[in-house]
Amino acid sequence: MSTVSVREAVDADAAEIARIQRVTWRTAYQGVLSDRALAELDSAVTEARWAEAIGHPGSRIHLAVEGGRTVGFCVAGPAPRDDVADAAGNVPGDADRTGLIATLLVEPRWSRRGHGSRLLAAAAAGLRELGADRGVTWAVESDAATLGFYRRAGWHPDGTVRTLDTGDRRLRELRLTGALDIQLVE
């Protein structure tokens, strides 16, 4: 069996992160996102955005590695107020202690090998280091695989829904929340 690990991203990882996003979104969101939105992932702008994200203060990008290959990534950091507020805009008392899992993707051919769980555990540990004790994330309502993954980790929808306008269609996302004391079982 190959060696598996999680490490933090460095500037040189931007192209590989962009590649994983392209491959994963084309598999997971074909028919959900427009062909135009998926085609935009091919632009150099996508890689430049990831390079900028790697250097963004306060957030961390964790990479899952198997046998020397980067196979997935997770972006985590303090949750912006808009991501923790309820539908009426009310911010909970623990907003300053809430982290956001902004993105967690594992390339489909590397799925079901524990990479998602390792990424979530590493991100949760990093958020705890920043003083967070609760996490939130958003998942497309029709994405059963992602919803199931977070439910198995003990995260559940909290009743907050948002609708994103992609320009071609609208996507409903559910906000999920859970504790950051995630323990890996290998």
Protein backbone atom coordinates (compact mmCIF):
# COMPACT_ATOMS: atom_id res chain seq x y z
CA MET A 1 0.00 0.00 0.00
CA SER A 2 1.19 3.50 -0.82
CA THR A 3 2.15 5.99 1.83
CA VAL A 4 -0.61 8.51 2.57
CA SER A 5 -0.29 11.88 4.28
CA VAL A 6 -1.68 15.38 4.57
CA ARG A 7 0.47 18.48 4.25
CA GLU A 8 -0.08 22.21 3.84
CA ALA A 9 0.00 23.66 0.34
CA VAL A 10 2.85 25.82 -0.92
CA ASP A 11 2.91 28.20 -3.88
CA ALA A 12 4.10 25.49 -6.27
CA ASP A 13 0.89 23.49 -5.60
CA ALA A 14 -1.51 25.94 -7.29
CA ALA A 15 -1.54 24.17 -10.67
CA GLU A 16 -2.21 20.78 -9.10
CA ILE A 17 -5.02 22.18 -6.94
CA ALA A 18 -6.60 23.75 -10.05
CA ARG A 19 -6.30 20.42 -11.89
CA ILE A 20 -8.00 18.51 -9.06
CA GLN A 21 -10.81 21.07 -8.96
CA ARG A 22 -11.35 20.74 -12.73
CA VAL A 23 -11.42 16.95 -12.70
CA THR A 24 -13.59 16.69 -9.60
CA TRP A 25 -16.13 19.34 -10.58
CA ARG A 26 -16.49 17.90 -14.08
CA THR A 27 -17.31 14.55 -12.52
CA ALA A 28 -19.42 15.64 -9.56
CA TYR A 29 -21.19 18.67 -11.01
CA GLN A 30 -21.77 17.73 -14.67
CA GLY A 31 -25.40 18.66 -15.25
CA VAL A 32 -25.47 20.70 -12.05
CA LEU A 33 -23.13 23.48 -13.19
CA SER A 34 -23.35 24.81 -16.73
CA ASP A 35 -20.89 23.72 -19.40
CA ARG A 36 -19.72 27.34 -19.54
CA ALA A 37 -18.93 27.39 -15.80
CA LEU A 38 -17.03 24.10 -16.07
CA ALA A 39 -15.11 25.34 -19.14
CA GLU A 40 -13.97 28.43 -17.20
CA LEU A 41 -11.98 26.12 -14.93
CA ASP A 42 -9.53 25.66 -17.82
CA SER A 43 -8.41 29.28 -17.72
CA ALA A 44 -5.13 30.47 -16.24
CA VAL A 45 -7.25 32.60 -13.92
CA THR A 46 -8.21 29.49 -11.95
CA GLU A 47 -4.60 28.64 -11.21
CA ALA A 48 -3.85 32.27 -10.32
CA ARG A 49 -6.77 32.30 -7.88
CA TRP A 50 -5.42 29.18 -6.19
CA ALA A 51 -1.97 30.74 -5.96
CA GLU A 52 -3.56 33.75 -4.26
CA ALA A 53 -5.58 31.50 -1.93
CA ILE A 54 -2.45 29.64 -0.80
CA GLY A 55 -1.00 32.91 0.48
CA HIS A 56 -4.24 34.21 2.02
CA PRO A 57 -3.68 35.03 5.71
CA GLY A 58 -5.82 33.13 8.18
CA SER A 59 -6.78 30.27 5.89
CA ARG A 60 -4.96 27.03 5.23
CA ILE A 61 -5.03 24.69 2.27
CA HIS A 62 -4.32 21.09 3.20
CA LEU A 63 -3.31 18.55 0.55
CA ALA A 64 -3.93 14.81 0.61
CA VAL A 65 -0.99 12.89 -0.82
CA GLU A 66 -0.78 9.23 -1.76
CA GLY A 67 2.42 7.71 -3.04
CA GLY A 68 3.85 11.15 -3.81
CA ARG A 69 0.78 12.26 -5.82
CA THR A 70 -1.53 15.06 -4.68
CA VAL A 71 -5.02 13.54 -4.72
CA GLY A 72 -7.21 16.07 -2.88
CA PHE A 73 -7.33 19.31 -0.96
CA CYS A 74 -9.26 21.17 1.71
CA VAL A 75 -9.49 24.91 2.32
CA ALA A 76 -10.28 26.01 5.88
CA GLY A 77 -10.18 29.17 7.93
CA PRO A 78 -12.22 31.40 10.21
CA ALA A 79 -15.85 31.56 9.09
CA PRO A 80 -16.96 34.91 7.68
CA ARG A 81 -20.02 36.34 9.42
CA ASP A 82 -22.18 35.74 6.33
CA ASP A 83 -21.42 32.02 6.55
CA VAL A 84 -22.59 31.68 10.17
CA ALA A 85 -25.55 34.09 10.20
CA ASP A 86 -29.07 32.75 10.03
CA ALA A 87 -31.47 33.56 7.20
CA ALA A 88 -32.45 36.82 8.92
CA GLY A 89 -28.82 37.91 9.22
CA ASN A 90 -28.52 37.24 12.95
CA VAL A 91 -25.01 36.20 13.97
CA PRO A 92 -24.73 33.53 16.70
CA GLY A 93 -22.76 34.12 19.88
CA ASP A 94 -20.06 31.64 18.85
CA ALA A 95 -19.37 33.27 15.47
CA ASP A 96 -15.80 34.15 16.50
CA ARG A 97 -15.17 30.52 17.41
CA THR A 98 -16.56 29.04 14.19
CA GLY A 99 -14.40 27.80 11.33
CA LEU A 100 -15.32 27.31 7.70
CA ILE A 101 -14.50 24.35 5.52
CA ALA A 102 -14.71 26.31 2.27
CA THR A 103 -13.83 23.42 -0.06
CA LEU A 104 -12.96 19.76 0.35
CA LEU A 105 -12.33 17.80 -2.86
CA VAL A 106 -10.75 14.45 -3.56
CA GLU A 107 -10.11 13.46 -7.15
CA PRO A 108 -12.73 10.77 -7.97
CA ARG A 109 -10.25 8.04 -8.87
CA TRP A 110 -8.69 8.39 -5.39
CA SER A 111 -11.97 8.39 -3.45
CA ARG A 112 -12.96 5.83 -0.82
CA ARG A 113 -9.40 5.64 0.50
CA GLY A 114 -9.81 7.86 3.56
CA HIS A 115 -8.35 11.01 1.99
CA GLY A 116 -11.46 13.10 2.67
CA SER A 117 -11.50 12.06 6.31
CA ARG A 118 -7.79 12.82 6.72
CA LEU A 119 -8.28 16.23 5.09
CA LEU A 120 -11.26 17.07 7.30
CA ALA A 121 -9.39 15.95 10.44
CA ALA A 122 -6.34 18.06 9.53
CA ALA A 123 -8.50 21.08 8.74
CA ALA A 124 -10.43 20.66 12.01
CA ALA A 125 -7.15 20.49 13.96
CA GLY A 126 -5.96 23.68 12.24
CA LEU A 127 -9.24 25.43 13.03
CA ARG A 128 -8.96 24.39 16.69
CA GLU A 129 -5.46 25.93 16.74
CA LEU A 130 -7.10 29.18 15.61
CA GLY A 131 -9.56 29.00 18.53
CA ALA A 132 -12.57 27.51 16.74
CA ASP A 133 -14.69 24.85 18.39
CA ARG A 134 -17.37 24.45 15.73
CA GLY A 135 -17.25 24.24 11.96
CA VAL A 136 -19.59 25.00 9.09
CA THR A 137 -19.59 24.15 5.41
CA TRP A 138 -21.96 24.41 2.47
CA ALA A 139 -22.98 21.52 0.22
CA VAL A 140 -25.10 21.45 -2.92
CA GLU A 141 -28.47 20.06 -1.88
CA SER A 142 -28.41 17.41 -4.64
CA ASP A 143 -24.84 16.23 -3.82
CA ALA A 144 -25.66 13.07 -1.90
CA ALA A 145 -22.01 11.95 -1.71
CA THR A 146 -20.85 15.16 0.01
CA LEU A 147 -23.84 15.28 2.33
CA GLY A 148 -23.26 11.64 3.30
CA PHE A 149 -19.55 12.26 3.92
CA TYR A 150 -20.24 15.10 6.35
CA ARG A 151 -23.05 13.20 8.08
CA ARG A 152 -20.65 10.31 8.72
CA ALA A 153 -18.26 12.85 10.28
CA GLY A 154 -21.05 13.99 12.62
CA TRP A 155 -21.95 17.19 10.75
CA HIS A 156 -25.58 17.87 9.91
CA PRO A 157 -27.72 20.47 8.14
CA ASP A 158 -28.72 23.24 10.53
CA GLY A 159 -31.74 24.42 8.53
CA THR A 160 -30.01 27.29 6.74
CA VAL A 161 -30.21 27.26 2.94
CA ARG A 162 -28.73 29.61 0.38
CA THR A 163 -29.27 29.87 -3.34
CA LEU A 164 -26.34 30.63 -5.63
CA ASP A 165 -26.89 32.11 -9.07
CA THR A 166 -24.33 30.58 -11.44
CA GLY A 167 -25.46 32.77 -14.34
CA ASP A 168 -27.11 29.83 -16.09
CA ARG A 169 -29.02 28.27 -13.23
CA ARG A 170 -29.51 28.43 -9.49
CA LEU A 171 -28.03 26.02 -6.97
CA ARG A 172 -29.45 25.42 -3.53
CA GLU A 173 -26.87 24.75 -0.84
CA LEU A 174 -27.41 23.47 2.68
CA ARG A 175 -25.27 24.67 5.55
CA LEU A 176 -23.89 21.85 7.65
CA THR A 177 -22.32 22.25 11.06
CA GLY A 178 -20.41 20.05 13.43
CA ALA A 179 -17.80 19.75 16.13
CA LEU A 180 -14.10 20.05 15.36
CA ASP A 181 -12.99 17.22 17.65
CA ILE A 182 -12.80 14.84 14.70
CA GLN A 183 -10.95 11.61 15.40
CA LEU A 184 -9.59 9.46 12.59
CA VAL A 185 -10.10 5.75 12.74
CA GLU A 186 -7.53 4.09 10.45
